Amino acid sequence: MSTIKVDTIKDTNNVEVYTAKAWVNFNGQGTVAIRDSGNISSVVDTATGVYTVSFTTAMPDANYSAVVACSDAGTTRAFAHTKTFSTGDFVIRSSRGDTGADVDHDLYSVAVFR
């Protein structure tokens, strides 16, 4: 397997620029459905408020950052965070902001940086 060398990209202030290695926008209620994504092969609902997000192409290690946002059309306050990381997938857990109870939210948006 050959390796492609990419020069570091910097902005006009000479600060290194990082791009997302993966992203996904998915419906978390009812039947989980990916609305659109990049480098994400699947999202599996493993329990109430818990989703496993799998990469199409694995990360080189588990030292990446997944930024998660969620929203809920109802009256609950939405909260989500990443729980575990591996090279092939990561887990999201979401809950109500007011009670802490696990809950499936309407919409999740995730960006992964490495």
C-alpha atoms as a PDB file:
ATOM      1  CA  MET A   1       0.000   0.000   0.000  1.00  0.00           C
ATOM      2  CA  SER A   2       1.424   3.379  -0.955  1.00  0.00           C
ATOM      3  CA  THR A   3       1.309   6.449   1.252  1.00  0.00           C
ATOM      4  CA  ILE A   4       0.280   9.825  -0.062  1.00  0.00           C
ATOM      5  CA  LYS A   5       2.094  12.745   1.506  1.00  0.00           C
ATOM      6  CA  VAL A   6       0.004  15.845   1.918  1.00  0.00           C
ATOM      7  CA  ASP A   7       1.628  19.130   2.802  1.00  0.00           C
ATOM      8  CA  THR A   8       0.269  20.881   5.853  1.00  0.00           C
ATOM      9  CA  ILE A   9      -2.318  23.474   4.916  1.00  0.00           C
ATOM     10  CA  LYS A  10      -2.166  26.787   6.753  1.00  0.00           C
ATOM     11  CA  ASP A  11      -4.399  29.812   6.705  1.00  0.00           C
ATOM     12  CA  THR A  12      -3.292  33.399   6.090  1.00  0.00           C
ATOM     13  CA  ASN A  13      -2.218  33.696   9.755  1.00  0.00           C
ATOM     14  CA  ASN A  14       0.016  30.602   9.394  1.00  0.00           C
ATOM     15  CA  VAL A  15      -2.334  28.490  11.565  1.00  0.00           C
ATOM     16  CA  GLU A  16      -2.704  24.852  10.530  1.00  0.00           C
ATOM     17  CA  VAL A  17      -6.109  23.999   9.004  1.00  0.00           C
ATOM     18  CA  TYR A  18      -7.852  20.720   9.797  1.00  0.00           C
ATOM     19  CA  THR A  19     -10.698  19.219   7.799  1.00  0.00           C
ATOM     20  CA  ALA A  20     -13.341  16.752   8.924  1.00  0.00           C
ATOM     21  CA  LYS A  21     -12.360  13.108   8.367  1.00  0.00           C
ATOM     22  CA  ALA A  22     -16.002  12.044   8.655  1.00  0.00           C
ATOM     23  CA  TRP A  23     -19.431  13.554   9.239  1.00  0.00           C
ATOM     24  CA  VAL A  24     -23.029  12.446   9.548  1.00  0.00           C
ATOM     25  CA  ASN A  25     -26.492  13.948   9.926  1.00  0.00           C
ATOM     26  CA  PHE A  26     -29.074  11.392  11.099  1.00  0.00           C
ATOM     27  CA  ASN A  27     -32.578  10.952  12.468  1.00  0.00           C
ATOM     28  CA  GLY A  28     -32.447   9.436  15.945  1.00  0.00           C
ATOM     29  CA  GLN A  29     -36.127   8.755  16.585  1.00  0.00           C
ATOM     30  CA  GLY A  30     -38.133   5.801  15.305  1.00  0.00           C
ATOM     31  CA  THR A  31     -36.186   4.018  12.602  1.00  0.00           C
ATOM     32  CA  VAL A  32     -32.702   5.550  12.631  1.00  0.00           C
ATOM     33  CA  ALA A  33     -31.892   6.968   9.202  1.00  0.00           C
ATOM     34  CA  ILE A  34     -28.800   8.707   7.882  1.00  0.00           C
ATOM     35  CA  ARG A  35     -29.854  11.881   6.080  1.00  0.00           C
ATOM     36  CA  ASP A  36     -26.402  12.383   4.584  1.00  0.00           C
ATOM     37  CA  SER A  37     -22.815  11.572   5.499  1.00  0.00           C
ATOM     38  CA  GLY A  38     -19.180  11.334   4.520  1.00  0.00           C
ATOM     39  CA  ASN A  39     -16.972   8.360   5.532  1.00  0.00           C
ATOM     40  CA  ILE A  40     -19.777   6.915   7.682  1.00  0.00           C
ATOM     41  CA  SER A  41     -21.035   3.431   6.788  1.00  0.00           C
ATOM     42  CA  SER A  42     -23.788   3.072   9.386  1.00  0.00           C
ATOM     43  CA  VAL A  43     -25.489   4.359  12.520  1.00  0.00           C
ATOM     44  CA  VAL A  44     -26.985   1.669  14.751  1.00  0.00           C
ATOM     45  CA  ASP A  45     -29.438   2.391  17.569  1.00  0.00           C
ATOM     46  CA  THR A  46     -28.131   0.080  20.331  1.00  0.00           C
ATOM     47  CA  ALA A  47     -30.340   1.345  23.195  1.00  0.00           C
ATOM     48  CA  THR A  48     -32.473   4.344  24.075  1.00  0.00           C
ATOM     49  CA  GLY A  49     -30.243   7.352  23.456  1.00  0.00           C
ATOM     50  CA  VAL A  50     -27.229   5.227  22.463  1.00  0.00           C
ATOM     51  CA  TYR A  51     -25.907   4.965  18.889  1.00  0.00           C
ATOM     52  CA  THR A  52     -22.858   3.285  17.393  1.00  0.00           C
ATOM     53  CA  VAL A  53     -21.478   5.245  14.434  1.00  0.00           C
ATOM     54  CA  SER A  54     -19.190   3.229  12.112  1.00  0.00           C
ATOM     55  CA  PHE A  55     -16.616   4.574   9.676  1.00  0.00           C
ATOM     56  CA  THR A  56     -16.402   3.506   6.042  1.00  0.00           C
ATOM     57  CA  THR A  57     -12.605   3.901   6.242  1.00  0.00           C
ATOM     58  CA  ALA A  58     -11.210   3.386   9.742  1.00  0.00           C
ATOM     59  CA  MET A  59      -9.229   6.027  11.591  1.00  0.00           C
ATOM     60  CA  PRO A  60      -5.492   5.301  12.017  1.00  0.00           C
ATOM     61  CA  ASP A  61      -5.961   5.277  15.814  1.00  0.00           C
ATOM     62  CA  ALA A  62      -8.550   6.267  18.419  1.00  0.00           C
ATOM     63  CA  ASN A  63      -7.041   9.722  19.009  1.00  0.00           C
ATOM     64  CA  TYR A  64      -9.693  11.664  17.108  1.00  0.00           C
ATOM     65  CA  SER A  65     -12.374  14.080  18.188  1.00  0.00           C
ATOM     66  CA  ALA A  66     -16.067  13.651  17.428  1.00  0.00           C
ATOM     67  CA  VAL A  67     -18.144  16.789  17.866  1.00  0.00           C
ATOM     68  CA  VAL A  68     -21.826  15.998  18.420  1.00  0.00           C
ATOM     69  CA  ALA A  69     -24.867  18.252  18.345  1.00  0.00           C
ATOM     70  CA  CYS A  70     -28.477  17.202  18.691  1.00  0.00           C
ATOM     71  CA  SER A  71     -31.886  18.819  18.700  1.00  0.00           C
ATOM     72  CA  ASP A  72     -35.332  17.855  19.817  1.00  0.00           C
ATOM     73  CA  ALA A  73     -38.548  19.293  18.432  1.00  0.00           C
ATOM     74  CA  GLY A  74     -40.286  18.521  21.746  1.00  0.00           C
ATOM     75  CA  THR A  75     -39.959  20.331  25.035  1.00  0.00           C
ATOM     76  CA  THR A  76     -36.900  18.453  26.346  1.00  0.00           C
ATOM     77  CA  ARG A  77     -33.470  20.007  26.441  1.00  0.00           C
ATOM     78  CA  ALA A  78     -31.198  18.006  24.150  1.00  0.00           C
ATOM     79  CA  PHE A  79     -27.760  16.767  25.254  1.00  0.00           C
ATOM     80  CA  ALA A  80     -25.372  14.343  23.533  1.00  0.00           C
ATOM     81  CA  HIS A  81     -21.747  13.314  23.967  1.00  0.00           C
ATOM     82  CA  THR A  82     -19.314  10.737  22.675  1.00  0.00           C
ATOM     83  CA  LYS A  83     -18.800   7.785  24.946  1.00  0.00           C
ATOM     84  CA  THR A  84     -16.163   5.435  23.513  1.00  0.00           C
ATOM     85  CA  PHE A  85     -13.727   5.593  20.591  1.00  0.00           C
ATOM     86  CA  SER A  86     -12.141   2.871  18.458  1.00  0.00           C
ATOM     87  CA  THR A  87     -10.551   2.979  15.016  1.00  0.00           C
ATOM     88  CA  GLY A  88     -13.692   1.576  13.391  1.00  0.00           C
ATOM     89  CA  ASP A  89     -16.486   3.315  15.292  1.00  0.00           C
ATOM     90  CA  PHE A  90     -17.548   5.436  18.229  1.00  0.00           C
ATOM     91  CA  VAL A  91     -20.557   5.589  20.529  1.00  0.00           C
ATOM     92  CA  ILE A  92     -22.875   8.538  21.123  1.00  0.00           C
ATOM     93  CA  ARG A  93     -25.045   8.770  24.225  1.00  0.00           C
ATOM     94  CA  SER A  94     -27.840  11.320  24.484  1.00  0.00           C
ATOM     95  CA  SER A  95     -30.155  12.393  27.237  1.00  0.00           C
ATOM     96  CA  ARG A  96     -32.641  14.957  28.406  1.00  0.00           C
ATOM     97  CA  GLY A  97     -30.906  18.049  29.729  1.00  0.00           C
ATOM     98  CA  ASP A  98     -33.457  18.572  32.489  1.00  0.00           C
ATOM     99  CA  THR A  99     -33.629  15.029  33.956  1.00  0.00           C
ATOM    100  CA  GLY A 100     -30.571  13.212  32.583  1.00  0.00           C
ATOM    101  CA  ALA A 101     -32.769  10.346  31.339  1.00  0.00           C
ATOM    102  CA  ASP A 102     -31.562   8.647  28.150  1.00  0.00           C
ATOM    103  CA  VAL A 103     -33.651   9.685  25.153  1.00  0.00           C
ATOM    104  CA  ASP A 104     -33.613   9.472  21.351  1.00  0.00           C
ATOM    105  CA  HIS A 105     -33.521  12.974  19.862  1.00  0.00           C
ATOM    106  CA  ASP A 106     -34.900  14.115  16.484  1.00  0.00           C
ATOM    107  CA  LEU A 107     -31.665  15.163  14.823  1.00  0.00           C
ATOM    108  CA  TYR A 108     -27.963  14.484  15.322  1.00  0.00           C
ATOM    109  CA  SER A 109     -25.075  16.186  13.563  1.00  0.00           C
ATOM    110  CA  VAL A 110     -21.562  14.843  14.009  1.00  0.00           C
ATOM    111  CA  ALA A 111     -18.154  15.924  12.665  1.00  0.00           C
ATOM    112  CA  VAL A 112     -14.974  13.899  13.241  1.00  0.00           C
ATOM    113  CA  PHE A 113     -11.522  15.502  13.207  1.00  0.00           C
ATOM    114  CA  ARG A 114      -8.117  13.808  13.323  1.00  0.00           C
END
